[in-house]
């Protein structure tokens, strides 16, 4: 199958405020925490009795910290205080547990929670993503509507953030909750004539695990080269790549961006996409492939911190589908069903794409999305032949090894998680497609070889 034409860019309206809105949107109240309205560095807490991970998820939601915990740590937390800075609040929250609050570069701060050694804090704790993105709406137009995004924005008092390539879906932002309510009233009057649906937008994040530099005298890998002729393409829906310090540039297609300022705050540390693509390449090289008839299409939907949204993921899925990409890899997850993203998944699946998504790195047994949508192969992680202790099993159709090595900028790294499992599964599926199997045959082969067994 030939590599897709990636010259056409999605219709996106960039705004300098979008990055600020994404980075600050987690600064809000939850059931357990709230921030001081005058000083965001101070916290209030009312925790009667709650599990450690529930507390950490809500703490991440309110503060914006990226939190990592030592696998296996489990206890109930009780705490009550008001208007305390983090250095006073954390001992009351974590009790006898050790912690380190460190700079995460331009992405804010990283909280490590552990018993003895902070290097043991490797399990990523996702923020609570169950609430809609504040002050945003997705408006889907009826076929044949003559209204332009700019005309609708003027009618409802919103700002256009992004527009789908076909112009039928628009992502709006507003200055306040009151403005959103007024916009919904105005849009309701258009439901019979121009508007098909009015939806909330939701966050998705990279269900990452911490990266560690691997040792053991590993040699520098050869550069991967592209075989001439037809190739099978894997769409990698993820964060931005560094594009230097890699050994697979020859099999990488041009990057397509679906979010503004994706590269802002990108540190010298490997990004999530670096680790996923690197893991796929290392796997293929270890299997004897130094020349590939596989191509990778990077579709960027998250900012440098790994935070994206359902609308952007939907646009990337539709782009890949329209380009005829047979395998779509989504190593991301969120907590809430998005009708708009579900429909995009349905379109791509109906067009023959094989779509794979990570179930998440917290064993909550709660559905995550896109893994739990119809038409998606949800992938969970194996460790030593069994489901990994960190892996979510809800929505899983396949189970694949969740640990990988990859080479980046002169060093080897070790990473783990359901994202790795999904990327392995996508790579194996692409190899099946390249042998001439249909999408359904390739998917069936993957599920037969790597079934999820409850």
Protein backbone atom coordinates (compact mmCIF):
# COMPACT_ATOMS: atom_id res chain seq x y z
CA UNK A 1 0.00 0.00 0.00
CA UNK A 2 1.45 3.35 -0.99
CA UNK A 3 2.29 6.03 1.54
CA UNK A 4 -0.41 8.71 1.72
CA UNK A 5 -0.12 12.19 0.31
CA UNK A 6 0.42 14.37 3.37
CA UNK A 7 0.77 17.74 1.69
CA UNK A 8 -2.72 18.97 2.54
CA UNK A 9 -2.96 20.52 6.00
CA UNK A 10 -6.06 20.42 8.21
CA UNK A 11 -8.03 23.63 8.52
CA UNK A 12 -6.89 24.97 11.88
CA UNK A 13 -7.16 28.45 13.33
CA UNK A 14 -4.18 29.02 15.65
CA UNK A 15 -4.57 31.29 18.64
CA UNK A 16 -2.00 32.44 21.16
CA UNK A 17 -4.53 31.87 23.94
CA UNK A 18 -5.08 28.18 23.17
CA UNK A 19 -1.81 27.01 24.74
CA UNK A 20 -2.48 29.12 27.83
CA UNK A 21 -5.98 27.70 28.14
CA UNK A 22 -4.70 24.13 27.90
CA UNK A 23 -1.89 24.59 30.40
CA UNK A 24 -4.11 26.34 32.97
CA UNK A 25 -7.31 24.37 32.50
CA UNK A 26 -6.48 21.85 35.23
CA UNK A 27 -6.36 24.68 37.79
CA UNK A 28 -9.79 24.14 39.26
CA UNK A 29 -11.66 22.59 42.17
CA UNK A 30 -12.43 18.90 42.68
CA UNK A 31 -14.32 17.01 45.38
CA UNK A 32 -11.16 16.86 47.50
CA UNK A 33 -9.13 19.98 46.61
CA UNK A 34 -9.45 23.59 45.58
CA UNK A 35 -6.99 26.39 44.95
CA UNK A 36 -6.96 29.78 46.59
CA UNK A 37 -8.60 32.19 44.17
CA UNK A 38 -5.98 34.85 44.94
CA UNK A 39 -2.92 32.59 45.11
CA UNK A 40 -2.84 29.45 42.94
CA UNK A 41 0.14 28.15 44.92
CA UNK A 42 -2.06 27.59 47.98
CA UNK A 43 -4.43 24.65 48.48
CA UNK A 44 -7.55 23.77 50.44
CA UNK A 45 -8.35 20.11 51.13
CA UNK A 46 -11.24 18.18 52.64
CA UNK A 47 -10.39 14.47 52.49
CA UNK A 48 -12.39 12.24 54.83
CA UNK A 49 -11.02 8.89 53.62
CA UNK A 50 -9.91 8.33 50.03
CA UNK A 51 -7.50 5.93 48.21
CA UNK A 52 -4.02 7.28 47.47
CA UNK A 53 -4.44 7.26 43.70
CA UNK A 54 -7.80 9.04 43.85
CA UNK A 55 -6.16 11.74 45.96
CA UNK A 56 -3.19 12.02 43.60
CA UNK A 57 -5.39 12.20 40.49
CA UNK A 58 -7.39 15.08 41.94
CA UNK A 59 -4.24 16.78 43.19
CA UNK A 60 -2.86 16.65 39.65
CA UNK A 61 -6.12 18.01 38.29
CA UNK A 62 -6.04 21.05 40.56
CA UNK A 63 -2.31 21.86 40.53
CA UNK A 64 -1.29 20.82 37.01
CA UNK A 65 1.58 18.76 38.45
CA UNK A 66 2.61 15.61 36.59
CA UNK A 67 2.55 12.98 39.34
CA UNK A 68 4.42 9.67 39.47
CA UNK A 69 4.01 7.09 42.22
CA UNK A 70 5.93 3.96 43.19
CA UNK A 71 4.03 0.93 41.80
CA UNK A 72 2.20 -1.02 44.48
CA UNK A 73 1.81 1.84 46.95
CA UNK A 74 -1.70 1.74 48.37
CA UNK A 75 -3.27 3.40 51.41
CA UNK A 76 -6.19 5.55 52.45
CA UNK A 77 -5.65 9.28 52.93
CA UNK A 78 -7.39 11.65 55.34
CA UNK A 79 -6.55 15.34 55.57
CA UNK A 80 -8.25 18.68 56.12
CA UNK A 81 -6.62 22.09 55.81
CA UNK A 82 -7.12 25.50 54.28
CA UNK A 83 -4.91 27.94 52.41
CA UNK A 84 -1.61 26.07 52.71
CA UNK A 85 1.38 26.29 50.33
CA UNK A 86 2.55 23.02 48.78
CA UNK A 87 5.50 22.50 51.14
CA UNK A 88 3.07 22.52 54.10
CA UNK A 89 0.19 20.72 52.36
CA UNK A 90 2.07 17.71 51.00
CA UNK A 91 3.23 16.29 54.39
CA UNK A 92 -0.38 16.44 55.62
CA UNK A 93 -1.62 14.66 52.48
CA UNK A 94 1.09 11.99 52.14
CA UNK A 95 1.84 11.28 55.79
CA UNK A 96 4.76 8.85 56.14
CA UNK A 97 5.32 8.55 52.38
CA UNK A 98 8.33 10.32 50.92
CA UNK A 99 7.98 12.74 48.04
CA UNK A 100 9.92 15.11 45.81
CA UNK A 101 8.42 18.09 44.01
CA UNK A 102 10.81 18.95 41.19
CA UNK A 103 10.87 21.16 38.11
CA UNK A 104 9.55 19.57 34.92
CA UNK A 105 11.17 22.23 32.75
CA UNK A 106 8.76 24.38 30.81
CA UNK A 107 5.97 21.92 31.62
CA UNK A 108 5.66 22.98 35.27
CA UNK A 109 6.38 20.62 38.16
CA UNK A 110 6.64 16.87 38.68
CA UNK A 111 5.66 15.22 41.97
CA UNK A 112 7.34 11.89 42.80
CA UNK A 113 5.75 9.78 45.58
CA UNK A 114 7.73 6.81 46.97
CA UNK A 115 8.75 4.85 50.05
CA UNK A 116 12.57 4.98 50.00
CA UNK A 117 14.01 5.74 46.55
CA UNK A 118 12.53 8.41 44.30
CA UNK A 119 13.73 6.45 41.25
CA UNK A 120 11.02 3.94 42.16
CA UNK A 121 8.28 6.51 41.38
CA UNK A 122 7.66 5.38 37.80
CA UNK A 123 3.88 4.95 37.55
CA UNK A 124 2.18 7.96 35.98
CA UNK A 125 -0.99 9.15 37.70
CA UNK A 126 -3.41 10.66 35.21
CA UNK A 127 -5.30 13.77 36.22
CA UNK A 128 -9.06 13.40 36.53
CA UNK A 129 -10.34 13.93 33.00
CA UNK A 130 -14.04 13.39 33.67
CA UNK A 131 -15.04 17.06 33.40
CA UNK A 132 -15.38 18.93 30.08
CA UNK A 133 -12.66 21.34 29.01
CA UNK A 134 -13.71 24.64 30.59
CA UNK A 135 -15.33 27.21 28.32
CA UNK A 136 -15.25 25.15 25.12
CA UNK A 137 -17.86 23.73 22.75
CA UNK A 138 -17.80 21.56 19.64
CA UNK A 139 -20.45 22.59 17.11
CA UNK A 140 -21.27 20.11 14.33
CA UNK A 141 -23.15 21.60 11.36
CA UNK A 142 -25.80 19.95 9.28
CA UNK A 143 -24.85 18.95 5.75
CA UNK A 144 -25.68 21.80 3.44
CA UNK A 145 -25.44 24.54 6.05
CA UNK A 146 -24.27 27.82 4.52
CA UNK A 147 -23.06 29.32 7.80
CA UNK A 148 -19.31 29.89 8.06
CA UNK A 149 -17.36 29.40 11.31
CA UNK A 150 -16.81 33.14 11.50
CA UNK A 151 -20.52 33.87 11.13
CA UNK A 152 -21.36 31.39 13.90
CA UNK A 153 -18.64 32.85 16.12
CA UNK A 154 -20.21 36.28 15.70
CA UNK A 155 -23.67 34.92 16.50
CA UNK A 156 -22.62 33.13 19.69
CA UNK A 157 -19.76 35.34 20.91
CA UNK A 158 -17.11 32.63 20.72
CA UNK A 159 -13.62 32.33 19.28
CA UNK A 160 -12.75 29.74 16.64
CA UNK A 161 -9.94 27.44 17.78
CA UNK A 162 -10.10 24.78 15.05
CA UNK A 163 -12.21 23.79 12.07
CA UNK A 164 -12.46 20.31 10.60
CA UNK A 165 -11.05 19.87 7.11
CA UNK A 166 -14.55 19.53 5.62
CA UNK A 167 -15.79 22.57 7.56
CA UNK A 168 -18.63 20.71 9.29
CA UNK A 169 -17.22 20.76 12.86
CA UNK A 170 -15.90 23.77 14.76
CA UNK A 171 -14.14 24.02 18.11
CA UNK A 172 -15.04 27.24 19.96
CA UNK A 173 -13.67 28.84 23.12
CA UNK A 174 -15.43 31.37 25.36
CA UNK A 175 -14.39 33.78 28.09
CA UNK A 176 -16.61 32.36 30.85
CA UNK A 177 -19.15 29.70 31.81
CA UNK A 178 -21.87 32.32 31.45
CA UNK A 179 -20.76 32.93 27.85
CA UNK A 180 -20.94 29.18 27.16
CA UNK A 181 -24.51 29.05 28.51
CA UNK A 182 -25.54 31.99 26.33
CA UNK A 183 -23.90 30.36 23.30
CA UNK A 184 -25.84 27.14 23.89
CA UNK A 185 -29.10 29.09 23.94
CA UNK A 186 -28.21 30.80 20.67
CA UNK A 187 -27.14 27.52 19.05
CA UNK A 188 -30.31 25.76 20.18
CA UNK A 189 -32.27 28.09 17.90
CA UNK A 190 -30.23 26.80 14.94
CA UNK A 191 -30.72 23.09 15.63
CA UNK A 192 -33.53 22.74 13.10
CA UNK A 193 -31.79 24.66 10.32
CA UNK A 194 -27.98 24.64 10.52
CA UNK A 195 -26.66 22.89 13.65
CA UNK A 196 -26.62 19.11 13.96
CA UNK A 197 -25.23 18.88 17.52
CA UNK A 198 -23.66 20.88 20.35
CA UNK A 199 -21.05 18.95 22.33
CA UNK A 200 -18.53 19.40 25.11
CA UNK A 201 -14.85 18.81 24.41
CA UNK A 202 -12.74 16.57 26.68
CA UNK A 203 -9.09 16.09 27.51
CA UNK A 204 -6.97 13.13 26.50
CA UNK A 205 -3.46 12.50 27.83
CA UNK A 206 -0.50 10.24 27.17
CA UNK A 207 -0.76 7.34 29.67
CA UNK A 208 2.99 7.45 30.05
CA UNK A 209 5.36 5.77 32.42
CA UNK A 210 8.61 7.43 33.44
CA UNK A 211 11.60 6.97 31.17
CA UNK A 212 14.87 5.65 32.53
CA UNK A 213 18.25 5.56 30.81
CA UNK A 214 19.15 1.93 30.13
CA UNK A 215 22.65 0.57 30.69
CA UNK A 216 24.33 -2.67 29.78
CA UNK A 217 26.74 -1.73 27.01
CA UNK A 218 24.15 -1.61 24.24
CA UNK A 219 25.61 -0.72 20.85
CA UNK A 220 24.53 2.24 18.73
CA UNK A 221 21.80 1.01 16.35
CA UNK A 222 22.05 1.25 12.59
CA UNK A 223 19.98 3.82 10.78
CA UNK A 224 16.74 2.41 9.39
CA UNK A 225 16.36 2.87 5.63
CA UNK A 226 13.23 2.77 3.49
CA UNK A 227 12.68 0.05 0.94
CA UNK A 228 11.54 1.40 -2.44
CA UNK A 229 8.03 0.75 -3.67
CA UNK A 230 4.72 0.43 -1.88
CA UNK A 231 4.74 0.78 1.90
CA UNK A 232 2.25 0.32 4.72
CA UNK A 233 1.70 3.45 6.79
CA UNK A 234 1.09 3.68 10.54
CA UNK A 235 -0.52 6.93 11.70
CA UNK A 236 1.01 7.86 15.07
CA UNK A 237 -1.49 10.12 16.88
CA UNK A 238 0.61 11.56 19.68
CA UNK A 239 2.85 14.45 20.76
CA UNK A 240 5.49 16.27 18.70
CA UNK A 241 8.77 14.59 17.77
CA UNK A 242 12.20 16.14 18.19
CA UNK A 243 13.28 14.98 14.71
CA UNK A 244 16.93 14.96 15.72
CA UNK A 245 18.84 12.31 17.58
CA UNK A 246 16.80 9.61 15.81
CA UNK A 247 17.80 6.79 13.49
CA UNK A 248 14.59 6.42 11.48
CA UNK A 249 14.23 9.71 9.55
CA UNK A 250 14.19 7.81 6.24
CA UNK A 251 10.87 6.11 7.09
CA UNK A 252 9.22 9.19 8.63
CA UNK A 253 6.60 11.14 6.67
CA UNK A 254 5.97 14.87 7.11
CA UNK A 255 4.43 15.79 10.46
CA UNK A 256 0.86 17.13 10.47
CA UNK A 257 -0.22 19.34 13.39
CA UNK A 258 -3.73 19.49 14.84
CA UNK A 259 -2.98 21.69 17.84
CA UNK A 260 -1.37 25.10 18.21
CA UNK A 261 2.09 25.48 19.75
CA UNK A 262 2.73 21.73 19.93
CA UNK A 263 6.49 22.29 20.07
CA UNK A 264 6.40 24.98 22.75
CA UNK A 265 7.92 23.66 25.97
CA UNK A 266 9.39 20.59 24.25
CA UNK A 267 12.43 19.79 26.37
CA UNK A 268 15.61 17.93 25.39
CA UNK A 269 14.17 14.87 27.14
CA UNK A 270 12.47 12.37 24.77
CA UNK A 271 8.83 13.22 24.12
CA UNK A 272 6.10 10.60 24.34
CA UNK A 273 6.10 10.30 20.54
CA UNK A 274 9.89 9.88 20.54
CA UNK A 275 9.55 6.94 22.91
CA UNK A 276 6.71 5.33 20.93
CA UNK A 277 8.34 5.60 17.51
CA UNK A 278 11.70 4.63 18.95
CA UNK A 279 10.16 1.57 20.60
CA UNK A 280 8.63 0.46 17.30
CA UNK A 281 11.91 0.91 15.44
CA UNK A 282 13.95 -0.92 18.09
CA UNK A 283 11.48 -3.81 18.00
CA UNK A 284 11.75 -4.06 14.22
CA UNK A 285 15.54 -3.88 14.25
CA UNK A 286 15.74 -6.57 16.93
CA UNK A 287 13.55 -8.70 14.65
CA UNK A 288 16.04 -8.32 11.80
CA UNK A 289 14.59 -5.35 9.91
CA UNK A 290 17.12 -2.68 8.90
CA UNK A 291 15.18 -1.78 5.75
CA UNK A 292 11.47 -1.10 6.04
CA UNK A 293 8.44 -1.07 3.79
CA UNK A 294 6.61 0.63 6.67
CA UNK A 295 6.23 4.41 6.97
CA UNK A 296 5.27 6.45 10.03
CA UNK A 297 2.92 9.42 9.75
CA UNK A 298 3.17 11.68 12.85
CA UNK A 299 -0.15 13.39 13.63
CA UNK A 300 0.36 15.76 16.55
CA UNK A 301 -2.64 16.26 18.86
CA UNK A 302 -1.07 17.05 22.26
CA UNK A 303 1.06 19.83 23.66
CA UNK A 304 4.54 19.19 25.02
CA UNK A 305 3.13 18.08 28.39
CA UNK A 306 1.13 15.29 26.70
CA UNK A 307 -2.27 16.99 27.05
CA UNK A 308 -4.65 17.02 24.09
CA UNK A 309 -8.39 16.95 23.43
CA UNK A 310 -11.01 14.78 21.77
CA UNK A 311 -11.70 17.23 18.91
CA UNK A 312 -8.04 17.23 17.81
CA UNK A 313 -7.83 13.42 18.03
CA UNK A 314 -10.97 13.17 15.90
CA UNK A 315 -9.43 15.44 13.25
CA UNK A 316 -6.28 13.31 13.18
CA UNK A 317 -8.30 10.10 12.85
CA UNK A 318 -10.33 11.54 9.96
CA UNK A 319 -7.16 12.84 8.27
CA UNK A 320 -5.56 9.39 8.45
CA UNK A 321 -8.74 7.76 7.16
CA UNK A 322 -9.03 10.16 4.24
CA UNK A 323 -5.36 9.56 3.40
CA UNK A 324 -6.00 5.82 3.23
CA UNK A 325 -3.76 4.93 6.18
CA UNK A 326 -4.47 1.29 7.14
CA UNK A 327 -3.19 1.33 10.75
CA UNK A 328 -3.97 4.10 13.25
CA UNK A 329 -2.06 4.07 16.55
CA UNK A 330 -3.52 6.12 19.44
CA UNK A 331 -1.37 5.75 22.60
CA UNK A 332 -3.62 8.21 24.47
CA UNK A 333 -6.64 7.97 26.75
CA UNK A 334 -9.38 10.02 28.36
CA UNK A 335 -12.20 9.34 30.79
CA UNK A 336 -15.31 10.47 28.92
CA UNK A 337 -17.20 9.30 25.82
CA UNK A 338 -17.12 11.95 23.08
CA UNK A 339 -19.84 11.49 20.43
CA UNK A 340 -17.80 13.47 17.92
CA UNK A 341 -14.67 11.34 18.37
CA UNK A 342 -16.79 8.17 18.38
CA UNK A 343 -18.24 9.15 14.99
CA UNK A 344 -14.75 9.87 13.60
CA UNK A 345 -13.65 6.42 14.78
CA UNK A 346 -16.72 4.89 13.12
CA UNK A 347 -15.95 6.63 9.82
CA UNK A 348 -12.32 5.47 9.83
CA UNK A 349 -13.26 1.92 10.81
CA UNK A 350 -15.93 1.79 8.08
CA UNK A 351 -13.28 2.91 5.60
CA UNK A 352 -11.14 -0.10 6.52
CA UNK A 353 -8.65 1.36 9.00
CA UNK A 354 -7.43 -0.72 11.94
CA UNK A 355 -7.51 1.52 15.01
CA UNK A 356 -5.64 0.63 18.19
CA UNK A 357 -5.66 2.58 21.47
CA UNK A 358 -4.15 2.30 24.96
CA UNK A 359 -6.37 1.32 27.89
CA UNK A 360 -4.32 3.40 30.37
CA UNK A 361 -1.76 2.89 33.10
CA UNK A 362 -4.02 2.82 36.14
CA UNK A 363 -5.81 -0.42 37.13
CA UNK A 364 -9.13 1.34 37.74
CA UNK A 365 -11.21 -1.11 35.65
CA UNK A 366 -13.06 1.95 34.35
CA UNK A 367 -13.51 2.49 30.60
CA UNK A 368 -11.09 4.83 28.87
CA UNK A 369 -11.47 6.38 25.45
CA UNK A 370 -10.69 5.87 22.57
CA UNK A 371 -9.90 2.28 23.69
CA UNK A 372 -13.53 1.55 24.62
CA UNK A 373 -15.15 2.88 21.44
CA UNK A 374 -16.71 0.44 18.99
CA UNK A 375 -14.31 -0.13 16.12
CA UNK A 376 -11.17 0.22 18.28
CA UNK A 377 -8.82 -2.53 19.44
CA UNK A 378 -8.11 -1.67 23.07
CA UNK A 379 -4.61 -2.78 24.10
CA UNK A 380 -3.44 -3.48 27.64
CA UNK A 381 0.05 -4.36 28.88
CA UNK A 382 1.71 -7.63 29.82
CA UNK A 383 4.56 -8.02 32.28
CA UNK A 384 6.25 -11.43 32.61
CA UNK A 385 3.37 -13.05 30.78
CA UNK A 386 0.61 -11.62 33.00
CA UNK A 387 -1.35 -8.37 32.96
CA UNK A 388 0.99 -5.67 34.26
CA UNK A 389 0.08 -4.44 37.78
CA UNK A 390 -0.28 -0.86 36.50
CA UNK A 391 -2.40 -1.73 33.46
CA UNK A 392 -6.10 -0.97 33.08
CA UNK A 393 -8.00 -3.97 31.70
CA UNK A 394 -11.36 -2.35 30.94
CA UNK A 395 -11.94 -2.17 27.20
CA UNK A 396 -8.99 -4.45 26.43
CA UNK A 397 -9.18 -6.70 23.36
CA UNK A 398 -5.47 -7.51 23.11
CA UNK A 399 -2.62 -7.82 25.59
CA UNK A 400 0.98 -7.19 24.49
CA UNK A 401 4.30 -6.69 26.26
CA UNK A 402 4.46 -3.24 27.85
CA UNK A 403 8.21 -2.59 28.18
CA UNK A 404 10.52 -1.30 25.46
CA UNK A 405 13.98 0.03 24.73
CA UNK A 406 14.58 2.89 22.34
CA UNK A 407 17.54 4.94 21.19
CA UNK A 408 17.46 8.73 21.29
CA UNK A 409 20.15 11.40 20.96
CA UNK A 410 23.11 9.18 21.85
CA UNK A 411 21.51 7.20 24.70
CA UNK A 412 19.32 4.15 25.24
CA UNK A 413 16.11 4.58 27.22
CA UNK A 414 13.71 2.17 28.88
CA UNK A 415 9.98 2.89 28.93
CA UNK A 416 6.84 0.96 29.85
CA UNK A 417 3.07 1.24 29.74
CA UNK A 418 -0.02 0.46 27.70
CA UNK A 419 1.19 3.04 25.16
CA UNK A 420 4.15 0.77 24.44
CA UNK A 421 1.81 -2.23 24.13
CA UNK A 422 -0.40 -0.33 21.68
CA UNK A 423 2.58 0.71 19.60
CA UNK A 424 3.89 -2.86 19.49
CA UNK A 425 0.42 -4.07 18.45
CA UNK A 426 0.21 -1.42 15.72
CA UNK A 427 3.64 -2.39 14.40
CA UNK A 428 2.73 -6.08 14.30
CA UNK A 429 -0.54 -5.26 12.53
CA UNK A 430 1.27 -3.17 9.91
CA UNK A 431 3.60 -6.10 9.22
CA UNK A 432 0.54 -8.30 8.66
CA UNK A 433 -0.98 -5.75 6.27
CA UNK A 434 2.29 -5.53 4.36
CA UNK A 435 2.10 -9.26 3.63
CA UNK A 436 -1.11 -8.62 1.69
CA UNK A 437 -3.70 -9.32 4.37
CA UNK A 438 -6.85 -7.23 4.49
CA UNK A 439 -7.53 -5.00 7.47
CA UNK A 440 -9.97 -7.48 8.96
CA UNK A 441 -7.55 -10.38 8.45
CA UNK A 442 -4.67 -8.42 10.05
CA UNK A 443 -6.81 -7.44 13.03
CA UNK A 444 -8.02 -11.03 13.46
CA UNK A 445 -4.44 -12.30 13.33
CA UNK A 446 -3.36 -9.85 16.06
CA UNK A 447 -6.27 -10.81 18.30
CA UNK A 448 -5.56 -14.52 17.81
CA UNK A 449 -1.87 -14.13 18.67
CA UNK A 450 -2.24 -11.64 21.52
CA UNK A 451 -5.73 -12.07 22.98
CA UNK A 452 -6.74 -10.41 26.20
CA UNK A 453 -7.73 -13.09 28.67
CA UNK A 454 -9.69 -11.98 31.72
